[in-house]
Amino acid sequence: MVQEAGKYESGDEEHKKLEVNNALENYTYNMRSTTKDEKLGEKLTPIDKKIEDAIDEAIVWLDTNQLAEGDEFKDKMKELFPILKLLG
């Protein structure tokens, strides 16, 4: 029974990691779509360009860190949120 519980615990951790990874990925790609919108794209200021760069950097990070731990994904999200709040 203890062995079985350990097996489920490992699965729970993997599930949480995937949830956080997916949340970061969805959020990042949604924000990228927003900044690439033609109507908005014409209005981007230099600060907005920095936001766009941060989004692109997060996407590169996601692509190169697929095996990262759940906490690393959470940290990346926390790093990205304040930057993206500048979009309004």
C-alpha atoms as a PDB file:
ATOM      1  CA  MET A   1       0.000   0.000   0.000  1.00  0.00           C
ATOM      2  CA  VAL A   2       2.862   2.389   0.813  1.00  0.00           C
ATOM      3  CA  GLN A   3       4.473   1.540  -2.507  1.00  0.00           C
ATOM      4  CA  GLU A   4       1.230   2.291  -4.307  1.00  0.00           C
ATOM      5  CA  ALA A   5       0.895   5.639  -2.512  1.00  0.00           C
ATOM      6  CA  GLY A   6       4.422   6.573  -3.586  1.00  0.00           C
ATOM      7  CA  LYS A   7       3.537   5.763  -7.175  1.00  0.00           C
ATOM      8  CA  TYR A   8       0.511   8.073  -7.049  1.00  0.00           C
ATOM      9  CA  GLU A   9       2.502  10.823  -5.333  1.00  0.00           C
ATOM     10  CA  SER A  10       5.003  10.781  -8.174  1.00  0.00           C
ATOM     11  CA  GLY A  11       2.150  10.985 -10.669  1.00  0.00           C
ATOM     12  CA  ASP A  12       0.615  13.905  -8.770  1.00  0.00           C
ATOM     13  CA  GLU A  13       3.894  15.817  -8.915  1.00  0.00           C
ATOM     14  CA  GLU A  14       4.190  15.193 -12.648  1.00  0.00           C
ATOM     15  CA  HIS A  15       0.588  16.328 -13.137  1.00  0.00           C
ATOM     16  CA  LYS A  16       1.218  19.569 -11.209  1.00  0.00           C
ATOM     17  CA  LYS A  17       4.369  20.198 -13.246  1.00  0.00           C
ATOM     18  CA  LEU A  18       2.432  19.763 -16.485  1.00  0.00           C
ATOM     19  CA  GLU A  19      -0.337  22.073 -15.267  1.00  0.00           C
ATOM     20  CA  VAL A  20       2.129  24.854 -14.462  1.00  0.00           C
ATOM     21  CA  ASN A  21       4.009  24.297 -17.726  1.00  0.00           C
ATOM     22  CA  ASN A  22       0.766  24.463 -19.709  1.00  0.00           C
ATOM     23  CA  ALA A  23      -0.404  27.567 -17.856  1.00  0.00           C
ATOM     24  CA  LEU A  24       2.853  29.389 -18.602  1.00  0.00           C
ATOM     25  CA  GLU A  25       2.832  28.234 -22.199  1.00  0.00           C
ATOM     26  CA  ASN A  26      -0.808  29.259 -22.776  1.00  0.00           C
ATOM     27  CA  TYR A  27      -0.355  32.616 -21.092  1.00  0.00           C
ATOM     28  CA  THR A  28       2.824  33.366 -23.027  1.00  0.00           C
ATOM     29  CA  TYR A  29       1.388  32.419 -26.404  1.00  0.00           C
ATOM     30  CA  ASN A  30      -1.831  34.361 -25.732  1.00  0.00           C
ATOM     31  CA  MET A  31       0.174  37.454 -24.864  1.00  0.00           C
ATOM     32  CA  ARG A  32       2.302  36.952 -27.957  1.00  0.00           C
ATOM     33  CA  SER A  33      -0.852  36.827 -30.087  1.00  0.00           C
ATOM     34  CA  THR A  34      -2.034  40.028 -28.452  1.00  0.00           C
ATOM     35  CA  THR A  35       1.194  41.883 -29.200  1.00  0.00           C
ATOM     36  CA  LYS A  36       1.293  40.533 -32.762  1.00  0.00           C
ATOM     37  CA  ASP A  37      -2.265  41.729 -33.441  1.00  0.00           C
ATOM     38  CA  GLU A  38      -2.125  44.077 -36.435  1.00  0.00           C
ATOM     39  CA  LYS A  39      -4.244  46.769 -34.773  1.00  0.00           C
ATOM     40  CA  LEU A  40      -2.149  46.740 -31.620  1.00  0.00           C
ATOM     41  CA  GLY A  41       1.134  46.234 -33.444  1.00  0.00           C
ATOM     42  CA  GLU A  42       0.903  49.671 -35.020  1.00  0.00           C
ATOM     43  CA  LYS A  43       0.549  51.253 -31.583  1.00  0.00           C
ATOM     44  CA  LEU A  44       3.473  49.528 -29.852  1.00  0.00           C
ATOM     45  CA  THR A  45       5.829  51.854 -28.033  1.00  0.00           C
ATOM     46  CA  PRO A  46       9.461  51.102 -27.129  1.00  0.00           C
ATOM     47  CA  ILE A  47       8.235  49.827 -23.733  1.00  0.00           C
ATOM     48  CA  ASP A  48       5.827  47.509 -25.523  1.00  0.00           C
ATOM     49  CA  LYS A  49       8.715  46.234 -27.622  1.00  0.00           C
ATOM     50  CA  LYS A  50      10.436  45.265 -24.346  1.00  0.00           C
ATOM     51  CA  ILE A  51       7.303  43.366 -23.385  1.00  0.00           C
ATOM     52  CA  GLU A  52       7.371  41.604 -26.740  1.00  0.00           C
ATOM     53  CA  ASP A  53      11.031  40.720 -26.140  1.00  0.00           C
ATOM     54  CA  ALA A  54      10.172  39.305 -22.693  1.00  0.00           C
ATOM     55  CA  ILE A  55       7.456  37.153 -24.257  1.00  0.00           C
ATOM     56  CA  ASP A  56       9.833  35.870 -26.923  1.00  0.00           C
ATOM     57  CA  GLU A  57      12.440  35.153 -24.244  1.00  0.00           C
ATOM     58  CA  ALA A  58       9.879  33.181 -22.211  1.00  0.00           C
ATOM     59  CA  ILE A  59       8.960  31.125 -25.274  1.00  0.00           C
ATOM     60  CA  VAL A  60      12.615  30.318 -25.914  1.00  0.00           C
ATOM     61  CA  TRP A  61      12.973  29.374 -22.225  1.00  0.00           C
ATOM     62  CA  LEU A  62       9.946  27.071 -22.489  1.00  0.00           C
ATOM     63  CA  ASP A  63      11.354  25.410 -25.593  1.00  0.00           C
ATOM     64  CA  THR A  64      14.738  24.787 -23.994  1.00  0.00           C
ATOM     65  CA  ASN A  65      13.525  23.827 -20.505  1.00  0.00           C
ATOM     66  CA  GLN A  66      10.837  21.212 -21.102  1.00  0.00           C
ATOM     67  CA  LEU A  67      12.328  19.064 -18.338  1.00  0.00           C
ATOM     68  CA  ALA A  68      12.365  21.860 -15.753  1.00  0.00           C
ATOM     69  CA  GLU A  69      10.722  21.313 -12.373  1.00  0.00           C
ATOM     70  CA  GLY A  70       7.309  22.772 -11.538  1.00  0.00           C
ATOM     71  CA  ASP A  71       8.842  25.438  -9.308  1.00  0.00           C
ATOM     72  CA  GLU A  72      11.002  26.645 -12.185  1.00  0.00           C
ATOM     73  CA  PHE A  73       7.901  27.137 -14.334  1.00  0.00           C
ATOM     74  CA  LYS A  74       6.209  29.004 -11.470  1.00  0.00           C
ATOM     75  CA  ASP A  75       9.269  31.229 -11.057  1.00  0.00           C
ATOM     76  CA  LYS A  76       9.260  32.020 -14.770  1.00  0.00           C
ATOM     77  CA  MET A  77       5.570  32.955 -14.580  1.00  0.00           C
ATOM     78  CA  LYS A  78       6.208  35.214 -11.583  1.00  0.00           C
ATOM     79  CA  GLU A  79       9.021  36.854 -13.529  1.00  0.00           C
ATOM     80  CA  LEU A  80       6.798  37.411 -16.553  1.00  0.00           C
ATOM     81  CA  PHE A  81       3.605  38.698 -14.867  1.00  0.00           C
ATOM     82  CA  PRO A  82       4.878  42.159 -13.846  1.00  0.00           C
ATOM     83  CA  ILE A  83       6.240  42.762 -17.328  1.00  0.00           C
ATOM     84  CA  LEU A  84       3.005  41.741 -19.007  1.00  0.00           C
ATOM     85  CA  LYS A  85       0.890  43.858 -16.653  1.00  0.00           C
ATOM     86  CA  LEU A  86       2.367  46.832 -18.497  1.00  0.00           C
ATOM     87  CA  LEU A  87       0.191  45.886 -21.476  1.00  0.00           C
ATOM     88  CA  GLY A  88      -2.793  46.957 -19.484  1.00  0.00           C
END
